[in-house]
Amino acid sequence: MDKTQNKSTGDEGEEIAAVYLEKLGYKILERNLKLFCGEIDILAQDHRTIVVCEVKTVKGTGFGPAKDLVRYKKQQKLRTLARAVEQQYPKSPVRVDVIGIEKYRNPPKIEHLKNVISG
């Protein structure tokens, strides 16, 4: 699969995740937010809490569950992004969520893991 297909799959997964979060009552603040230290797929607000959402989408079973694709290096990046967001929203708690989308299922399976990274 080339990068164009990966981007298309990722974009589709992010759209599914954004709709899912809105149905839960989250407010989507930004999508594909570029900061000096990286990019946030979805920045949302859950009541008072600002949520950095990493979305992982898979089209098949070859790589395992989507949520398992957030490995150590990505966790470090998400920790850095969360710290940057804390500077922008000093009065709000910030957490990191991972949303796994298994697109090969019909309807796509959504797995939402809250507050997955601390420190």
C-alpha atoms as a PDB file:
ATOM      1  CA  MET A   1       0.000   0.000   0.000  1.00  0.00           C
ATOM      2  CA  ASP A   2       1.364   3.425  -0.899  1.00  0.00           C
ATOM      3  CA  LYS A   3       1.310   6.577   1.203  1.00  0.00           C
ATOM      4  CA  THR A   4      -1.692   7.960  -0.703  1.00  0.00           C
ATOM      5  CA  GLN A   5      -3.774   4.924   0.253  1.00  0.00           C
ATOM      6  CA  ASN A   6      -2.536   5.144   3.852  1.00  0.00           C
ATOM      7  CA  LYS A   7      -3.515   8.833   4.003  1.00  0.00           C
ATOM      8  CA  SER A   8      -6.934   8.088   2.524  1.00  0.00           C
ATOM      9  CA  THR A   9      -7.538   5.290   5.036  1.00  0.00           C
ATOM     10  CA  GLY A  10      -6.349   7.535   7.864  1.00  0.00           C
ATOM     11  CA  ASP A  11      -8.575  10.398   6.752  1.00  0.00           C
ATOM     12  CA  GLU A  12     -11.589   8.071   6.592  1.00  0.00           C
ATOM     13  CA  GLY A  13     -10.825   6.756  10.078  1.00  0.00           C
ATOM     14  CA  GLU A  14     -10.456  10.272  11.469  1.00  0.00           C
ATOM     15  CA  GLU A  15     -13.842  11.226  10.009  1.00  0.00           C
ATOM     16  CA  ILE A  16     -15.442   8.141  11.636  1.00  0.00           C
ATOM     17  CA  ALA A  17     -13.748   9.028  14.942  1.00  0.00           C
ATOM     18  CA  ALA A  18     -14.865  12.685  14.792  1.00  0.00           C
ATOM     19  CA  VAL A  19     -18.500  11.710  14.167  1.00  0.00           C
ATOM     20  CA  TYR A  20     -18.276   9.143  16.989  1.00  0.00           C
ATOM     21  CA  LEU A  21     -16.879  11.735  19.424  1.00  0.00           C
ATOM     22  CA  GLU A  22     -19.531  14.295  18.478  1.00  0.00           C
ATOM     23  CA  LYS A  23     -22.248  11.707  19.142  1.00  0.00           C
ATOM     24  CA  LEU A  24     -20.758  11.261  22.618  1.00  0.00           C
ATOM     25  CA  GLY A  25     -21.060  15.016  23.194  1.00  0.00           C
ATOM     26  CA  TYR A  26     -17.442  15.998  22.592  1.00  0.00           C
ATOM     27  CA  LYS A  27     -16.738  19.294  20.873  1.00  0.00           C
ATOM     28  CA  ILE A  28     -14.208  18.983  18.049  1.00  0.00           C
ATOM     29  CA  LEU A  29     -11.772  21.893  18.441  1.00  0.00           C
ATOM     30  CA  GLU A  30      -9.289  21.057  15.666  1.00  0.00           C
ATOM     31  CA  ARG A  31      -8.432  18.302  13.224  1.00  0.00           C
ATOM     32  CA  ASN A  32      -4.928  17.607  11.957  1.00  0.00           C
ATOM     33  CA  LEU A  33      -3.563  20.293  14.251  1.00  0.00           C
ATOM     34  CA  LYS A  34       0.089  20.930  13.447  1.00  0.00           C
ATOM     35  CA  LEU A  35       2.252  22.014  16.356  1.00  0.00           C
ATOM     36  CA  PHE A  36       6.004  22.548  16.530  1.00  0.00           C
ATOM     37  CA  CYS A  37       6.407  19.043  17.967  1.00  0.00           C
ATOM     38  CA  GLY A  38       4.047  17.083  15.718  1.00  0.00           C
ATOM     39  CA  GLU A  39       0.456  16.696  14.611  1.00  0.00           C
ATOM     40  CA  ILE A  40      -2.691  15.899  16.585  1.00  0.00           C
ATOM     41  CA  ASP A  41      -5.317  13.926  14.670  1.00  0.00           C
ATOM     42  CA  ILE A  42      -8.236  15.335  16.659  1.00  0.00           C
ATOM     43  CA  LEU A  43      -8.227  17.888  19.455  1.00  0.00           C
ATOM     44  CA  ALA A  44     -11.542  17.733  21.283  1.00  0.00           C
ATOM     45  CA  GLN A  45     -13.206  18.902  24.466  1.00  0.00           C
ATOM     46  CA  ASP A  46     -15.018  16.537  26.811  1.00  0.00           C
ATOM     47  CA  HIS A  47     -16.740  18.805  29.338  1.00  0.00           C
ATOM     48  CA  ARG A  48     -13.797  20.721  30.878  1.00  0.00           C
ATOM     49  CA  THR A  49     -11.133  18.284  29.669  1.00  0.00           C
ATOM     50  CA  ILE A  50      -9.122  18.879  26.508  1.00  0.00           C
ATOM     51  CA  VAL A  51      -8.545  15.590  24.693  1.00  0.00           C
ATOM     52  CA  VAL A  52      -5.658  14.809  22.367  1.00  0.00           C
ATOM     53  CA  CYS A  53      -7.011  11.978  20.192  1.00  0.00           C
ATOM     54  CA  GLU A  54      -4.749   9.685  18.227  1.00  0.00           C
ATOM     55  CA  VAL A  55      -6.713   7.770  15.600  1.00  0.00           C
ATOM     56  CA  LYS A  56      -5.408   4.496  14.176  1.00  0.00           C
ATOM     57  CA  THR A  57      -7.273   2.883  11.310  1.00  0.00           C
ATOM     58  CA  VAL A  58      -6.737  -0.559   9.804  1.00  0.00           C
ATOM     59  CA  LYS A  59      -8.348  -2.066   6.716  1.00  0.00           C
ATOM     60  CA  GLY A  60      -7.469  -5.684   7.516  1.00  0.00           C
ATOM     61  CA  THR A  61      -6.284  -8.008  10.260  1.00  0.00           C
ATOM     62  CA  GLY A  62      -2.617  -8.187   9.213  1.00  0.00           C
ATOM     63  CA  PHE A  63      -1.326  -5.692  11.777  1.00  0.00           C
ATOM     64  CA  GLY A  64      -3.590  -6.664  14.668  1.00  0.00           C
ATOM     65  CA  PRO A  65      -6.044  -4.331  16.415  1.00  0.00           C
ATOM     66  CA  ALA A  66      -5.725  -0.683  15.413  1.00  0.00           C
ATOM     67  CA  LYS A  67      -5.181   0.465  18.996  1.00  0.00           C
ATOM     68  CA  ASP A  68      -2.062  -1.715  19.243  1.00  0.00           C
ATOM     69  CA  LEU A  69      -0.362   0.381  16.557  1.00  0.00           C
ATOM     70  CA  VAL A  70       0.378   3.147  19.069  1.00  0.00           C
ATOM     71  CA  ARG A  71       3.819   1.943  19.985  1.00  0.00           C
ATOM     72  CA  TYR A  72       6.466   3.394  22.302  1.00  0.00           C
ATOM     73  CA  LYS A  73       7.804   6.094  19.962  1.00  0.00           C
ATOM     74  CA  LYS A  74       4.276   7.332  19.173  1.00  0.00           C
ATOM     75  CA  GLN A  75       3.418   7.309  22.899  1.00  0.00           C
ATOM     76  CA  GLN A  76       6.425   9.568  23.536  1.00  0.00           C
ATOM     77  CA  LYS A  77       5.264  11.911  20.754  1.00  0.00           C
ATOM     78  CA  LEU A  78       1.728  12.023  22.191  1.00  0.00           C
ATOM     79  CA  ARG A  79       3.132  12.850  25.626  1.00  0.00           C
ATOM     80  CA  THR A  80       5.049  15.780  24.099  1.00  0.00           C
ATOM     81  CA  LEU A  81       1.960  16.956  22.180  1.00  0.00           C
ATOM     82  CA  ALA A  82      -0.150  16.804  25.356  1.00  0.00           C
ATOM     83  CA  ARG A  83       2.390  18.989  27.164  1.00  0.00           C
ATOM     84  CA  ALA A  84       2.211  21.530  24.333  1.00  0.00           C
ATOM     85  CA  VAL A  85      -1.589  21.539  24.544  1.00  0.00           C
ATOM     86  CA  GLU A  86      -1.385  22.081  28.316  1.00  0.00           C
ATOM     87  CA  GLN A  87       0.446  25.340  27.569  1.00  0.00           C
ATOM     88  CA  GLN A  88      -2.410  26.470  25.294  1.00  0.00           C
ATOM     89  CA  TYR A  89      -5.147  25.445  27.769  1.00  0.00           C
ATOM     90  CA  PRO A  90      -3.610  26.085  31.204  1.00  0.00           C
ATOM     91  CA  LYS A  91      -6.948  26.075  33.062  1.00  0.00           C
ATOM     92  CA  SER A  92      -8.154  22.739  31.642  1.00  0.00           C
ATOM     93  CA  PRO A  93      -7.056  19.197  32.359  1.00  0.00           C
ATOM     94  CA  VAL A  94      -5.570  17.468  29.296  1.00  0.00           C
ATOM     95  CA  ARG A  95      -5.714  13.763  28.504  1.00  0.00           C
ATOM     96  CA  VAL A  96      -4.675  11.529  25.632  1.00  0.00           C
ATOM     97  CA  ASP A  97      -7.140   9.086  24.090  1.00  0.00           C
ATOM     98  CA  VAL A  98      -6.576   6.502  21.366  1.00  0.00           C
ATOM     99  CA  ILE A  99      -9.359   5.585  18.998  1.00  0.00           C
ATOM    100  CA  GLY A 100      -8.877   2.419  16.995  1.00  0.00           C
ATOM    101  CA  ILE A 101     -10.972   1.973  13.869  1.00  0.00           C
ATOM    102  CA  GLU A 102     -11.207  -1.484  12.296  1.00  0.00           C
ATOM    103  CA  LYS A 103     -12.542  -0.449   8.906  1.00  0.00           C
ATOM    104  CA  TYR A 104     -12.751  -3.977   7.479  1.00  0.00           C
ATOM    105  CA  ARG A 105     -15.756  -4.666   9.706  1.00  0.00           C
ATOM    106  CA  ASN A 106     -19.238  -3.590   8.681  1.00  0.00           C
ATOM    107  CA  PRO A 107     -20.003  -1.308  10.383  1.00  0.00           C
ATOM    108  CA  PRO A 108     -16.450  -0.325  11.342  1.00  0.00           C
ATOM    109  CA  LYS A 109     -15.505  -1.328  14.874  1.00  0.00           C
ATOM    110  CA  ILE A 110     -14.550   1.628  17.071  1.00  0.00           C
ATOM    111  CA  GLU A 111     -12.477   1.091  20.190  1.00  0.00           C
ATOM    112  CA  HIS A 112     -11.988   4.160  22.390  1.00  0.00           C
ATOM    113  CA  LEU A 113      -9.294   4.024  25.051  1.00  0.00           C
ATOM    114  CA  LYS A 114      -9.339   7.008  27.399  1.00  0.00           C
ATOM    115  CA  ASN A 115      -6.416   8.537  29.248  1.00  0.00           C
ATOM    116  CA  VAL A 116      -3.907   6.077  27.838  1.00  0.00           C
ATOM    117  CA  ILE A 117      -0.725   8.043  28.505  1.00  0.00           C
ATOM    118  CA  SER A 118       0.354   9.560  31.780  1.00  0.00           C
ATOM    119  CA  GLY A 119       3.277  11.768  32.718  1.00  0.00           C
END
